[in-house]
Amino acid sequence: MKADKSAGDLTLDYEDHQMTVIKHLLVNHVKDIDGQENEMATLAYKMYYVIEKYLNEIIDLKFCGPNSKLALVGGIMINCDGKRTDCFLPLKLEIRTP
């Protein structure tokens, strides 16, 4: 993504729309990630916070009844080598009420 100046341009790639959207969301954060001690970890955290911001913008509790609750669980999935070694790093455990 650092070398591809067209990365994140939603008008160019329809073959893998999901990856193009991810690149589009991260394109403004490349400078923050570039040069960090662990770029992949920084990338994972940056993507988490981009998605968290997006979710906060679209969550609407107006549909809920007076006793309703929305549970939010968020974090980073860490893929590891070996069987059953993947881990989940929880970053958000929250209950929201209307």
C-alpha atoms as a PDB file:
ATOM      1  CA  MET A   1       0.000   0.000   0.000  1.00  0.00           C
ATOM      2  CA  LYS A   2       2.896   2.346   0.669  1.00  0.00           C
ATOM      3  CA  ALA A   3       4.263   1.851  -2.850  1.00  0.00           C
ATOM      4  CA  ASP A   4       0.883   1.813  -4.619  1.00  0.00           C
ATOM      5  CA  LYS A   5      -0.241   5.421  -4.939  1.00  0.00           C
ATOM      6  CA  SER A   6      -3.682   4.330  -6.218  1.00  0.00           C
ATOM      7  CA  ALA A   7      -4.350   2.107  -3.176  1.00  0.00           C
ATOM      8  CA  GLY A   8      -7.710   2.867  -1.687  1.00  0.00           C
ATOM      9  CA  ASP A   9      -9.175   4.349  -4.858  1.00  0.00           C
ATOM     10  CA  LEU A  10     -12.633   2.759  -4.871  1.00  0.00           C
ATOM     11  CA  THR A  11     -13.107   3.440  -8.581  1.00  0.00           C
ATOM     12  CA  LEU A  12     -10.246   1.195  -9.723  1.00  0.00           C
ATOM     13  CA  ASP A  13     -10.721  -2.298  -8.300  1.00  0.00           C
ATOM     14  CA  TYR A  14     -13.942  -4.262  -8.308  1.00  0.00           C
ATOM     15  CA  GLU A  15     -12.398  -7.735  -8.076  1.00  0.00           C
ATOM     16  CA  ASP A  16     -11.712  -7.577  -4.336  1.00  0.00           C
ATOM     17  CA  HIS A  17     -13.994  -4.856  -3.052  1.00  0.00           C
ATOM     18  CA  GLN A  18     -13.464  -5.721   0.619  1.00  0.00           C
ATOM     19  CA  MET A  19      -9.680  -5.260   0.400  1.00  0.00           C
ATOM     20  CA  THR A  20     -10.126  -2.067  -1.631  1.00  0.00           C
ATOM     21  CA  VAL A  21     -12.402  -0.614   1.058  1.00  0.00           C
ATOM     22  CA  ILE A  22      -9.866  -1.538   3.753  1.00  0.00           C
ATOM     23  CA  LYS A  23      -7.128   0.220   1.772  1.00  0.00           C
ATOM     24  CA  HIS A  24      -9.415   3.212   1.268  1.00  0.00           C
ATOM     25  CA  LEU A  25     -10.034   3.476   5.011  1.00  0.00           C
ATOM     26  CA  LEU A  26      -6.315   3.232   5.801  1.00  0.00           C
ATOM     27  CA  VAL A  27      -4.800   5.358   3.034  1.00  0.00           C
ATOM     28  CA  ASN A  28      -4.767   8.488   5.217  1.00  0.00           C
ATOM     29  CA  HIS A  29      -2.965   6.611   8.012  1.00  0.00           C
ATOM     30  CA  VAL A  30       0.001   5.212   6.054  1.00  0.00           C
ATOM     31  CA  LYS A  31       2.359   7.922   7.356  1.00  0.00           C
ATOM     32  CA  ASP A  32       1.401   7.059  10.959  1.00  0.00           C
ATOM     33  CA  ILE A  33       2.148   3.375  10.344  1.00  0.00           C
ATOM     34  CA  ASP A  34       5.274   3.719   8.197  1.00  0.00           C
ATOM     35  CA  GLY A  35       8.497   3.409  10.158  1.00  0.00           C
ATOM     36  CA  GLN A  36       6.952   2.128  13.395  1.00  0.00           C
ATOM     37  CA  GLU A  37       8.911  -0.540  15.259  1.00  0.00           C
ATOM     38  CA  ASN A  38       6.218  -3.108  14.441  1.00  0.00           C
ATOM     39  CA  GLU A  39       4.292  -1.886  11.407  1.00  0.00           C
ATOM     40  CA  MET A  40       1.950  -4.895  11.360  1.00  0.00           C
ATOM     41  CA  ALA A  41       0.885  -4.379  14.985  1.00  0.00           C
ATOM     42  CA  THR A  42       0.443  -0.653  14.361  1.00  0.00           C
ATOM     43  CA  LEU A  43      -1.617  -1.474  11.263  1.00  0.00           C
ATOM     44  CA  ALA A  44      -3.877  -3.816  13.262  1.00  0.00           C
ATOM     45  CA  TYR A  45      -4.499  -1.206  15.972  1.00  0.00           C
ATOM     46  CA  LYS A  46      -5.066   1.547  13.397  1.00  0.00           C
ATOM     47  CA  MET A  47      -7.615  -0.615  11.558  1.00  0.00           C
ATOM     48  CA  TYR A  48      -9.371  -1.395  14.830  1.00  0.00           C
ATOM     49  CA  TYR A  49      -9.736   2.311  15.665  1.00  0.00           C
ATOM     50  CA  VAL A  50     -10.885   3.160  12.109  1.00  0.00           C
ATOM     51  CA  ILE A  51     -13.639   0.538  12.382  1.00  0.00           C
ATOM     52  CA  GLU A  52     -14.508   1.603  15.943  1.00  0.00           C
ATOM     53  CA  LYS A  53     -14.981   5.192  14.746  1.00  0.00           C
ATOM     54  CA  TYR A  54     -17.149   3.988  11.853  1.00  0.00           C
ATOM     55  CA  LEU A  55     -19.334   1.875  14.155  1.00  0.00           C
ATOM     56  CA  ASN A  56     -19.805   4.771  16.563  1.00  0.00           C
ATOM     57  CA  GLU A  57     -21.022   6.878  13.644  1.00  0.00           C
ATOM     58  CA  ILE A  58     -23.626   4.350  12.490  1.00  0.00           C
ATOM     59  CA  ILE A  59     -24.902   2.862  15.769  1.00  0.00           C
ATOM     60  CA  ASP A  60     -28.408   4.135  16.419  1.00  0.00           C
ATOM     61  CA  LEU A  61     -30.206   3.090  19.591  1.00  0.00           C
ATOM     62  CA  LYS A  62     -33.519   4.728  18.640  1.00  0.00           C
ATOM     63  CA  PHE A  63     -34.934   1.354  17.577  1.00  0.00           C
ATOM     64  CA  CYS A  64     -34.460  -0.040  21.090  1.00  0.00           C
ATOM     65  CA  GLY A  65     -37.157  -0.358  23.678  1.00  0.00           C
ATOM     66  CA  PRO A  66     -36.708   1.249  27.111  1.00  0.00           C
ATOM     67  CA  ASN A  67     -35.219  -1.938  28.585  1.00  0.00           C
ATOM     68  CA  SER A  68     -33.038  -2.825  25.594  1.00  0.00           C
ATOM     69  CA  LYS A  69     -29.274  -3.067  25.711  1.00  0.00           C
ATOM     70  CA  LEU A  70     -26.620  -3.288  23.021  1.00  0.00           C
ATOM     71  CA  ALA A  71     -23.471  -5.252  23.869  1.00  0.00           C
ATOM     72  CA  LEU A  72     -20.343  -4.252  21.982  1.00  0.00           C
ATOM     73  CA  VAL A  73     -17.366  -6.599  21.967  1.00  0.00           C
ATOM     74  CA  GLY A  74     -14.400  -5.550  19.879  1.00  0.00           C
ATOM     75  CA  GLY A  75     -10.763  -6.361  19.499  1.00  0.00           C
ATOM     76  CA  ILE A  76      -8.057  -7.679  17.267  1.00  0.00           C
ATOM     77  CA  MET A  77      -7.865 -11.247  16.025  1.00  0.00           C
ATOM     78  CA  ILE A  78      -4.273 -12.494  16.117  1.00  0.00           C
ATOM     79  CA  ASN A  79      -3.582 -15.308  13.664  1.00  0.00           C
ATOM     80  CA  CYS A  80      -0.778 -17.580  14.858  1.00  0.00           C
ATOM     81  CA  ASP A  81       0.986 -20.605  13.408  1.00  0.00           C
ATOM     82  CA  GLY A  82      -0.166 -23.992  14.632  1.00  0.00           C
ATOM     83  CA  LYS A  83      -3.496 -25.554  15.472  1.00  0.00           C
ATOM     84  CA  ARG A  84      -5.790 -23.672  17.833  1.00  0.00           C
ATOM     85  CA  THR A  85      -3.198 -21.027  18.605  1.00  0.00           C
ATOM     86  CA  ASP A  86      -5.083 -17.991  17.299  1.00  0.00           C
ATOM     87  CA  CYS A  87      -5.827 -15.391  19.943  1.00  0.00           C
ATOM     88  CA  PHE A  88      -8.272 -12.539  20.448  1.00  0.00           C
ATOM     89  CA  LEU A  89      -7.089  -9.288  22.017  1.00  0.00           C
ATOM     90  CA  PRO A  90     -10.185  -7.677  23.559  1.00  0.00           C
ATOM     91  CA  LEU A  91     -10.175  -3.880  23.374  1.00  0.00           C
ATOM     92  CA  LYS A  92     -13.829  -3.068  23.966  1.00  0.00           C
ATOM     93  CA  LEU A  93     -16.408  -4.603  26.283  1.00  0.00           C
ATOM     94  CA  GLU A  94     -19.306  -2.177  26.543  1.00  0.00           C
ATOM     95  CA  ILE A  95     -23.058  -2.113  27.150  1.00  0.00           C
ATOM     96  CA  ARG A  96     -25.076   0.727  25.657  1.00  0.00           C
ATOM     97  CA  THR A  97     -28.635   1.623  26.552  1.00  0.00           C
ATOM     98  CA  PRO A  98     -31.048   3.997  24.812  1.00  0.00           C
END
